[in-house]
Amino acid sequence: MKNAKIAIAAIVFSTLSFGATAADLVNSAPEGQQKVGVISATGGHDLTSLETQLNAKANAAGAKSFRITSTTGQDVMHGTAVIYQ
């Protein structure tokens, strides 16, 4: 029983720490952060799925935030975003 409580606590804490490192979607260049690159994603079927893909790429690049700069498409979306640290 004690091992189960420890395992649950570990899952909760790992989830909280992952959320703390997620990149934030911003509408303009964040104050105190520098542009470090541009990312792109293709394959989403709506704006929400495209935003999710861009967020995952921003997180993988270690970005603190990202700003979507373009989106195109109807059935298959394509988008680009600037990432900041």
PDB file of N, CA and C in Angstrom:
ATOM      1  N   MET A   1       0.821  -1.184   0.000  1.00  0.00           N
ATOM      2  CA  MET A   1       0.000   0.000   0.000  1.00  0.00           C
ATOM      3  C   MET A   1       0.868   1.252   0.000  1.00  0.00           C
ATOM      4  N   LYS A   2       1.956   1.212   0.771  1.00  0.00           N
ATOM      5  CA  LYS A   2       2.855   2.356   0.842  1.00  0.00           C
ATOM      6  C   LYS A   2       3.499   2.615  -0.523  1.00  0.00           C
ATOM      7  N   ASN A   3       3.858   1.539  -1.243  1.00  0.00           N
ATOM      8  CA  ASN A   3       4.451   1.688  -2.571  1.00  0.00           C
ATOM      9  C   ASN A   3       3.472   2.318  -3.553  1.00  0.00           C
ATOM     10  N   ALA A   4       2.202   1.978  -3.433  1.00  0.00           N
ATOM     11  CA  ALA A   4       1.185   2.563  -4.311  1.00  0.00           C
ATOM     12  C   ALA A   4       1.057   4.056  -4.066  1.00  0.00           C
ATOM     13  N   LYS A   5       1.081   4.474  -2.802  1.00  0.00           N
ATOM     14  CA  LYS A   5       1.006   5.902  -2.469  1.00  0.00           C
ATOM     15  C   LYS A   5       2.215   6.651  -3.016  1.00  0.00           C
ATOM     16  N   ILE A   6       3.377   6.055  -2.916  1.00  0.00           N
ATOM     17  CA  ILE A   6       4.598   6.684  -3.442  1.00  0.00           C
ATOM     18  C   ILE A   6       4.522   6.808  -4.957  1.00  0.00           C
ATOM     19  N   ALA A   7       4.029   5.775  -5.619  1.00  0.00           N
ATOM     20  CA  ALA A   7       3.905   5.806  -7.080  1.00  0.00           C
ATOM     21  C   ALA A   7       2.924   6.885  -7.516  1.00  0.00           C
ATOM     22  N   ILE A   8       1.798   6.997  -6.824  1.00  0.00           N
ATOM     23  CA  ILE A   8       0.806   8.027  -7.166  1.00  0.00           C
ATOM     24  C   ILE A   8       1.394   9.411  -6.940  1.00  0.00           C
ATOM     25  N   ALA A   9       2.098   9.599  -5.842  1.00  0.00           N
ATOM     26  CA  ALA A   9       2.721  10.899  -5.563  1.00  0.00           C
ATOM     27  C   ALA A   9       3.744  11.249  -6.642  1.00  0.00           C
ATOM     28  N   ALA A  10       4.515  10.276  -7.086  1.00  0.00           N
ATOM     29  CA  ALA A  10       5.505  10.522  -8.135  1.00  0.00           C
ATOM     30  C   ALA A  10       4.839  10.944  -9.438  1.00  0.00           C
ATOM     31  N   ILE A  11       3.728  10.314  -9.772  1.00  0.00           N
ATOM     32  CA  ILE A  11       3.000  10.674 -10.995  1.00  0.00           C
ATOM     33  C   ILE A  11       2.462  12.089 -10.896  1.00  0.00           C
ATOM     34  N   VAL A  12       1.883  12.433  -9.757  1.00  0.00           N
ATOM     35  CA  VAL A  12       1.335  13.781  -9.572  1.00  0.00           C
ATOM     36  C   VAL A  12       2.435  14.822  -9.682  1.00  0.00           C
ATOM     37  N   PHE A  13       3.555  14.614  -9.010  1.00  0.00           N
ATOM     38  CA  PHE A  13       4.641  15.593  -9.053  1.00  0.00           C
ATOM     39  C   PHE A  13       5.273  15.698 -10.430  1.00  0.00           C
ATOM     40  N   SER A  14       5.387  14.588 -11.152  1.00  0.00           N
ATOM     41  CA  SER A  14       5.957  14.661 -12.496  1.00  0.00           C
ATOM     42  C   SER A  14       5.022  15.396 -13.436  1.00  0.00           C
ATOM     43  N   THR A  15       3.721  15.240 -13.256  1.00  0.00           N
ATOM     44  CA  THR A  15       2.743  15.961 -14.072  1.00  0.00           C
ATOM     45  C   THR A  15       2.817  17.449 -13.784  1.00  0.00           C
ATOM     46  N   LEU A  16       2.936  17.826 -12.536  1.00  0.00           N
ATOM     47  CA  LEU A  16       3.025  19.238 -12.168  1.00  0.00           C
ATOM     48  C   LEU A  16       4.302  19.861 -12.711  1.00  0.00           C
ATOM     49  N   SER A  17       5.415  19.159 -12.633  1.00  0.00           N
ATOM     50  CA  SER A  17       6.660  19.732 -13.118  1.00  0.00           C
ATOM     51  C   SER A  17       6.657  19.830 -14.637  1.00  0.00           C
ATOM     52  N   PHE A  18       5.989  18.887 -15.339  1.00  0.00           N
ATOM     53  CA  PHE A  18       5.900  18.988 -16.789  1.00  0.00           C
ATOM     54  C   PHE A  18       5.092  20.213 -17.177  1.00  0.00           C
ATOM     55  N   GLY A  19       3.982  20.464 -16.508  1.00  0.00           N
ATOM     56  CA  GLY A  19       3.143  21.617 -16.806  1.00  0.00           C
ATOM     57  C   GLY A  19       3.884  22.917 -16.582  1.00  0.00           C
ATOM     58  N   ALA A  20       4.795  22.948 -15.636  1.00  0.00           N
ATOM     59  CA  ALA A  20       5.531  24.169 -15.335  1.00  0.00           C
ATOM     60  C   ALA A  20       6.527  24.507 -16.434  1.00  0.00           C
ATOM     61  N   THR A  21       6.925  23.532 -17.244  1.00  0.00           N
ATOM     62  CA  THR A  21       7.915  23.800 -18.277  1.00  0.00           C
ATOM     63  C   THR A  21       7.287  23.975 -19.654  1.00  0.00           C
ATOM     64  N   ALA A  22       5.977  23.905 -19.756  1.00  0.00           N
ATOM     65  CA  ALA A  22       5.312  24.035 -21.049  1.00  0.00           C
ATOM     66  C   ALA A  22       5.443  25.458 -21.582  1.00  0.00           C
ATOM     67  N   ALA A  23       5.610  25.576 -22.899  1.00  0.00           N
ATOM     68  CA  ALA A  23       5.703  26.882 -23.538  1.00  0.00           C
ATOM     69  C   ALA A  23       4.337  27.553 -23.547  1.00  0.00           C
ATOM     70  N   ASP A  24       4.332  28.867 -23.338  1.00  0.00           N
ATOM     71  CA  ASP A  24       3.094  29.643 -23.346  1.00  0.00           C
ATOM     72  C   ASP A  24       2.856  30.229 -24.726  1.00  0.00           C
ATOM     73  N   LEU A  25       1.608  30.209 -25.165  1.00  0.00           N
ATOM     74  CA  LEU A  25       1.215  30.863 -26.401  1.00  0.00           C
ATOM     75  C   LEU A  25       1.037  32.350 -26.104  1.00  0.00           C
ATOM     76  N   VAL A  26       1.699  33.223 -26.878  1.00  0.00           N
ATOM     77  CA  VAL A  26       1.618  34.668 -26.660  1.00  0.00           C
ATOM     78  C   VAL A  26       1.149  35.359 -27.928  1.00  0.00           C
ATOM     79  N   ASN A  27       0.645  36.594 -27.780  1.00  0.00           N
ATOM     80  CA  ASN A  27       0.168  37.376 -28.923  1.00  0.00           C
ATOM     81  C   ASN A  27       1.209  38.345 -29.461  1.00  0.00           C
ATOM     82  N   SER A  28       2.242  38.618 -28.681  1.00  0.00           N
ATOM     83  CA  SER A  28       3.323  39.501 -29.126  1.00  0.00           C
ATOM     84  C   SER A  28       4.615  39.038 -28.482  1.00  0.00           C
ATOM     85  N   ALA A  29       5.727  39.618 -28.914  1.00  0.00           N
ATOM     86  CA  ALA A  29       7.025  39.211 -28.379  1.00  0.00           C
ATOM     87  C   ALA A  29       7.047  39.460 -26.870  1.00  0.00           C
ATOM     88  N   PRO A  30       7.342  38.444 -26.079  1.00  0.00           N
ATOM     89  CA  PRO A  30       7.335  38.598 -24.627  1.00  0.00           C
ATOM     90  C   PRO A  30       8.495  39.456 -24.145  1.00  0.00           C
ATOM     91  N   GLU A  31       8.207  40.330 -23.211  1.00  0.00           N
ATOM     92  CA  GLU A  31       9.235  41.193 -22.645  1.00  0.00           C
ATOM     93  C   GLU A  31      10.251  40.348 -21.884  1.00  0.00           C
ATOM     94  N   GLY A  32      11.520  40.620 -22.116  1.00  0.00           N
ATOM     95  CA  GLY A  32      12.583  39.904 -21.425  1.00  0.00           C
ATOM     96  C   GLY A  32      12.952  38.572 -22.051  1.00  0.00           C
ATOM     97  N   GLN A  33      12.336  38.208 -23.167  1.00  0.00           N
ATOM     98  CA  GLN A  33      12.679  36.963 -23.849  1.00  0.00           C
ATOM     99  C   GLN A  33      13.176  37.284 -25.249  1.00  0.00           C
ATOM    100  N   GLN A  34      14.082  36.461 -25.745  1.00  0.00           N
ATOM    101  CA  GLN A  34      14.677  36.650 -27.061  1.00  0.00           C
ATOM    102  C   GLN A  34      14.156  35.607 -28.039  1.00  0.00           C
ATOM    103  N   LYS A  35      13.971  36.025 -29.289  1.00  0.00           N
ATOM    104  CA  LYS A  35      13.608  35.089 -30.346  1.00  0.00           C
ATOM    105  C   LYS A  35      14.776  34.132 -30.548  1.00  0.00           C
ATOM    106  N   VAL A  36      14.472  32.832 -30.550  1.00  0.00           N
ATOM    107  CA  VAL A  36      15.535  31.841 -30.721  1.00  0.00           C
ATOM    108  C   VAL A  36      15.323  30.964 -31.946  1.00  0.00           C
ATOM    109  N   GLY A  37      14.215  31.145 -32.656  1.00  0.00           N
ATOM    110  CA  GLY A  37      14.010  30.340 -33.845  1.00  0.00           C
ATOM    111  C   GLY A  37      12.585  30.374 -34.340  1.00  0.00           C
ATOM    112  N   VAL A  38      12.359  29.585 -35.381  1.00  0.00           N
ATOM    113  CA  VAL A  38      11.038  29.459 -35.995  1.00  0.00           C
ATOM    114  C   VAL A  38      10.740  27.972 -36.131  1.00  0.00           C
ATOM    115  N   ILE A  39       9.512  27.586 -35.842  1.00  0.00           N
ATOM    116  CA  ILE A  39       9.084  26.200 -35.988  1.00  0.00           C
ATOM    117  C   ILE A  39       7.889  26.148 -36.932  1.00  0.00           C
ATOM    118  N   SER A  40       7.622  24.970 -37.473  1.00  0.00           N
ATOM    119  CA  SER A  40       6.457  24.799 -38.335  1.00  0.00           C
ATOM    120  C   SER A  40       5.842  23.428 -38.078  1.00  0.00           C
ATOM    121  N   ALA A  41       4.570  23.329 -38.432  1.00  0.00           N
ATOM    122  CA  ALA A  41       3.860  22.055 -38.283  1.00  0.00           C
ATOM    123  C   ALA A  41       2.865  21.921 -39.421  1.00  0.00           C
ATOM    124  N   THR A  42       2.639  20.696 -39.843  1.00  0.00           N
ATOM    125  CA  THR A  42       1.668  20.394 -40.893  1.00  0.00           C
ATOM    126  C   THR A  42       0.889  19.152 -40.480  1.00  0.00           C
ATOM    127  N   GLY A  43      -0.394  19.136 -40.802  1.00  0.00           N
ATOM    128  CA  GLY A  43      -1.161  17.924 -40.574  1.00  0.00           C
ATOM    129  C   GLY A  43      -2.356  18.064 -39.675  1.00  0.00           C
ATOM    130  N   GLY A  44      -2.481  19.174 -38.984  1.00  0.00           N
ATOM    131  CA  GLY A  44      -3.661  19.349 -38.155  1.00  0.00           C
ATOM    132  C   GLY A  44      -4.888  19.550 -39.029  1.00  0.00           C
ATOM    133  N   HIS A  45      -6.048  19.183 -38.513  1.00  0.00           N
ATOM    134  CA  HIS A  45      -7.289  19.326 -39.274  1.00  0.00           C
ATOM    135  C   HIS A  45      -8.107  20.530 -38.823  1.00  0.00           C
ATOM    136  N   ASP A  46      -7.650  21.207 -37.764  1.00  0.00           N
ATOM    137  CA  ASP A  46      -8.282  22.441 -37.316  1.00  0.00           C
ATOM    138  C   ASP A  46      -7.231  23.271 -36.569  1.00  0.00           C
ATOM    139  N   LEU A  47      -7.594  24.494 -36.214  1.00  0.00           N
ATOM    140  CA  LEU A  47      -6.619  25.380 -35.580  1.00  0.00           C
ATOM    141  C   LEU A  47      -6.168  24.868 -34.216  1.00  0.00           C
ATOM    142  N   THR A  48      -7.059  24.215 -33.494  1.00  0.00           N
ATOM    143  CA  THR A  48      -6.688  23.694 -32.181  1.00  0.00           C
ATOM    144  C   THR A  48      -5.631  22.606 -32.292  1.00  0.00           C
ATOM    145  N   SER A  49      -5.794  21.688 -33.234  1.00  0.00           N
ATOM    146  CA  SER A  49      -4.796  20.623 -33.382  1.00  0.00           C
ATOM    147  C   SER A  49      -3.475  21.186 -33.897  1.00  0.00           C
ATOM    148  N   LEU A  50      -3.539  22.209 -34.741  1.00  0.00           N
ATOM    149  CA  LEU A  50      -2.311  22.851 -35.216  1.00  0.00           C
ATOM    150  C   LEU A  50      -1.592  23.538 -34.061  1.00  0.00           C
ATOM    151  N   GLU A  51      -2.324  24.234 -33.215  1.00  0.00           N
ATOM    152  CA  GLU A  51      -1.730  24.893 -32.043  1.00  0.00           C
ATOM    153  C   GLU A  51      -1.086  23.863 -31.125  1.00  0.00           C
ATOM    154  N   THR A  52      -1.730  22.718 -30.953  1.00  0.00           N
ATOM    155  CA  THR A  52      -1.188  21.649 -30.114  1.00  0.00           C
ATOM    156  C   THR A  52       0.130  21.138 -30.681  1.00  0.00           C
ATOM    157  N   GLN A  53       0.201  20.953 -32.001  1.00  0.00           N
ATOM    158  CA  GLN A  53       1.436  20.495 -32.634  1.00  0.00           C
ATOM    159  C   GLN A  53       2.552  21.530 -32.468  1.00  0.00           C
ATOM    160  N   LEU A  54       2.230  22.801 -32.678  1.00  0.00           N
ATOM    161  CA  LEU A  54       3.243  23.854 -32.523  1.00  0.00           C
ATOM    162  C   LEU A  54       3.704  23.944 -31.074  1.00  0.00           C
ATOM    163  N   ASN A  55       2.794  23.782 -30.133  1.00  0.00           N
ATOM    164  CA  ASN A  55       3.155  23.810 -28.721  1.00  0.00           C
ATOM    165  C   ASN A  55       4.125  22.675 -28.393  1.00  0.00           C
ATOM    166  N   ALA A  56       3.865  21.484 -28.922  1.00  0.00           N
ATOM    167  CA  ALA A  56       4.746  20.339 -28.680  1.00  0.00           C
ATOM    168  C   ALA A  56       6.142  20.604 -29.245  1.00  0.00           C
ATOM    169  N   LYS A  57       6.214  21.194 -30.433  1.00  0.00           N
ATOM    170  CA  LYS A  57       7.520  21.493 -31.023  1.00  0.00           C
ATOM    171  C   LYS A  57       8.241  22.584 -30.236  1.00  0.00           C
ATOM    172  N   ALA A  58       7.501  23.580 -29.754  1.00  0.00           N
ATOM    173  CA  ALA A  58       8.111  24.631 -28.932  1.00  0.00           C
ATOM    174  C   ALA A  58       8.670  24.035 -27.645  1.00  0.00           C
ATOM    175  N   ASN A  59       7.914  23.156 -27.014  1.00  0.00           N
ATOM    176  CA  ASN A  59       8.391  22.489 -25.794  1.00  0.00           C
ATOM    177  C   ASN A  59       9.633  21.656 -26.075  1.00  0.00           C
ATOM    178  N   ALA A  60       9.638  20.923 -27.186  1.00  0.00           N
ATOM    179  CA  ALA A  60      10.784  20.082 -27.541  1.00  0.00           C
ATOM    180  C   ALA A  60      12.035  20.928 -27.785  1.00  0.00           C
ATOM    181  N   ALA A  61      11.839  22.159 -28.255  1.00  0.00           N
ATOM    182  CA  ALA A  61      12.968  23.053 -28.511  1.00  0.00           C
ATOM    183  C   ALA A  61      13.408  23.799 -27.251  1.00  0.00           C
ATOM    184  N   GLY A  62      12.703  23.595 -26.149  1.00  0.00           N
ATOM    185  CA  GLY A  62      13.061  24.249 -24.898  1.00  0.00           C
ATOM    186  C   GLY A  62      12.588  25.691 -24.801  1.00  0.00           C
ATOM    187  N   ALA A  63      11.599  26.066 -25.592  1.00  0.00           N
ATOM    188  CA  ALA A  63      11.111  27.444 -25.591  1.00  0.00           C
ATOM    189  C   ALA A  63      10.275  27.734 -24.349  1.00  0.00           C
ATOM    190  N   LYS A  64      10.337  28.985 -23.899  1.00  0.00           N
ATOM    191  CA  LYS A  64       9.479  29.432 -22.806  1.00  0.00           C
ATOM    192  C   LYS A  64       8.116  29.862 -23.347  1.00  0.00           C
ATOM    193  N   SER A  65       8.108  30.381 -24.576  1.00  0.00           N
ATOM    194  CA  SER A  65       6.856  30.825 -25.190  1.00  0.00           C
ATOM    195  C   SER A  65       6.973  30.734 -26.701  1.00  0.00           C
ATOM    196  N   PHE A  66       5.814  30.827 -27.370  1.00  0.00           N
ATOM    197  CA  PHE A  66       5.792  30.821 -28.827  1.00  0.00           C
ATOM    198  C   PHE A  66       4.649  31.693 -29.311  1.00  0.00           C
ATOM    199  N   ARG A  67       4.818  32.255 -30.515  1.00  0.00           N
ATOM    200  CA  ARG A  67       3.807  33.115 -31.121  1.00  0.00           C
ATOM    201  C   ARG A  67       3.525  32.601 -32.518  1.00  0.00           C
ATOM    202  N   ILE A  68       2.282  32.235 -32.801  1.00  0.00           N
ATOM    203  CA  ILE A  68       1.909  31.731 -34.119  1.00  0.00           C
ATOM    204  C   ILE A  68       1.918  32.906 -35.093  1.00  0.00           C
ATOM    205  N   THR A  69       2.655  32.741 -36.190  1.00  0.00           N
ATOM    206  CA  THR A  69       2.805  33.829 -37.161  1.00  0.00           C
ATOM    207  C   THR A  69       2.031  33.597 -38.444  1.00  0.00           C
ATOM    208  N   SER A  70       1.703  32.340 -38.769  1.00  0.00           N
ATOM    209  CA  SER A  70       0.914  32.083 -39.971  1.00  0.00           C
ATOM    210  C   SER A  70       0.218  30.741 -39.869  1.00  0.00           C
ATOM    211  N   THR A  71      -0.962  30.685 -40.492  1.00  0.00           N
ATOM    212  CA  THR A  71      -1.687  29.423 -40.644  1.00  0.00           C
ATOM    213  C   THR A  71      -2.331  29.420 -42.026  1.00  0.00           C
ATOM    214  N   THR A  72      -2.321  28.273 -42.678  1.00  0.00           N
ATOM    215  CA  THR A  72      -2.964  28.122 -43.980  1.00  0.00           C
ATOM    216  C   THR A  72      -3.576  26.728 -44.064  1.00  0.00           C
ATOM    217  N   GLY A  73      -4.482  26.563 -45.006  1.00  0.00           N
ATOM    218  CA  GLY A  73      -5.056  25.247 -45.263  1.00  0.00           C
ATOM    219  C   GLY A  73      -6.523  25.166 -44.912  1.00  0.00           C
ATOM    220  N   GLN A  74      -7.144  24.115 -45.410  1.00  0.00           N
ATOM    221  CA  GLN A  74      -8.552  23.858 -45.107  1.00  0.00           C
ATOM    222  C   GLN A  74      -8.696  22.492 -44.454  1.00  0.00           C
ATOM    223  N   ASP A  75      -8.435  21.441 -45.198  1.00  0.00           N
ATOM    224  CA  ASP A  75      -8.531  20.096 -44.626  1.00  0.00           C
ATOM    225  C   ASP A  75      -7.262  19.706 -43.880  1.00  0.00           C
ATOM    226  N   VAL A  76      -6.129  20.137 -44.381  1.00  0.00           N
ATOM    227  CA  VAL A  76      -4.846  19.891 -43.725  1.00  0.00           C
ATOM    228  C   VAL A  76      -4.208  21.240 -43.464  1.00  0.00           C
ATOM    229  N   MET A  77      -4.005  21.551 -42.190  1.00  0.00           N
ATOM    230  CA  MET A  77      -3.480  22.854 -41.788  1.00  0.00           C
ATOM    231  C   MET A  77      -1.945  22.854 -41.791  1.00  0.00           C
ATOM    232  N   HIS A  78      -1.388  24.037 -42.021  1.00  0.00           N
ATOM    233  CA  HIS A  78       0.046  24.265 -41.915  1.00  0.00           C
ATOM    234  C   HIS A  78       0.230  25.569 -41.148  1.00  0.00           C
ATOM    235  N   GLY A  79       1.181  25.609 -40.251  1.00  0.00           N
ATOM    236  CA  GLY A  79       1.409  26.826 -39.490  1.00  0.00           C
ATOM    237  C   GLY A  79       2.855  26.996 -39.114  1.00  0.00           C
ATOM    238  N   THR A  80       3.226  28.249 -38.836  1.00  0.00           N
ATOM    239  CA  THR A  80       4.568  28.573 -38.365  1.00  0.00           C
ATOM    240  C   THR A  80       4.456  29.390 -37.093  1.00  0.00           C
ATOM    241  N   ALA A  81       5.491  29.352 -36.295  1.00  0.00           N
ATOM    242  CA  ALA A  81       5.519  30.105 -35.045  1.00  0.00           C
ATOM    243  C   ALA A  81       6.954  30.505 -34.721  1.00  0.00           C
ATOM    244  N   VAL A  82       7.089  31.649 -34.081  1.00  0.00           N
ATOM    245  CA  VAL A  82       8.375  32.104 -33.548  1.00  0.00           C
ATOM    246  C   VAL A  82       8.470  31.598 -32.124  1.00  0.00           C
ATOM    247  N   ILE A  83       9.645  31.083 -31.731  1.00  0.00           N
ATOM    248  CA  ILE A  83       9.828  30.618 -30.350  1.00  0.00           C
ATOM    249  C   ILE A  83      10.781  31.551 -29.615  1.00  0.00           C
ATOM    250  N   TYR A  84      10.554  31.681 -28.325  1.00  0.00           N
ATOM    251  CA  TYR A  84      11.311  32.605 -27.470  1.00  0.00           C
ATOM    252  C   TYR A  84      11.841  31.887 -26.235  1.00  0.00           C
ATOM    253  N   GLN A  85      13.007  32.390 -25.755  1.00  0.00           N
ATOM    254  CA  GLN A  85      13.581  31.920 -24.489  1.00  0.00           C
ATOM    255  C   GLN A  85      13.982  33.120 -23.683  1.00  0.00           C
TER     256      GLN A  85
END
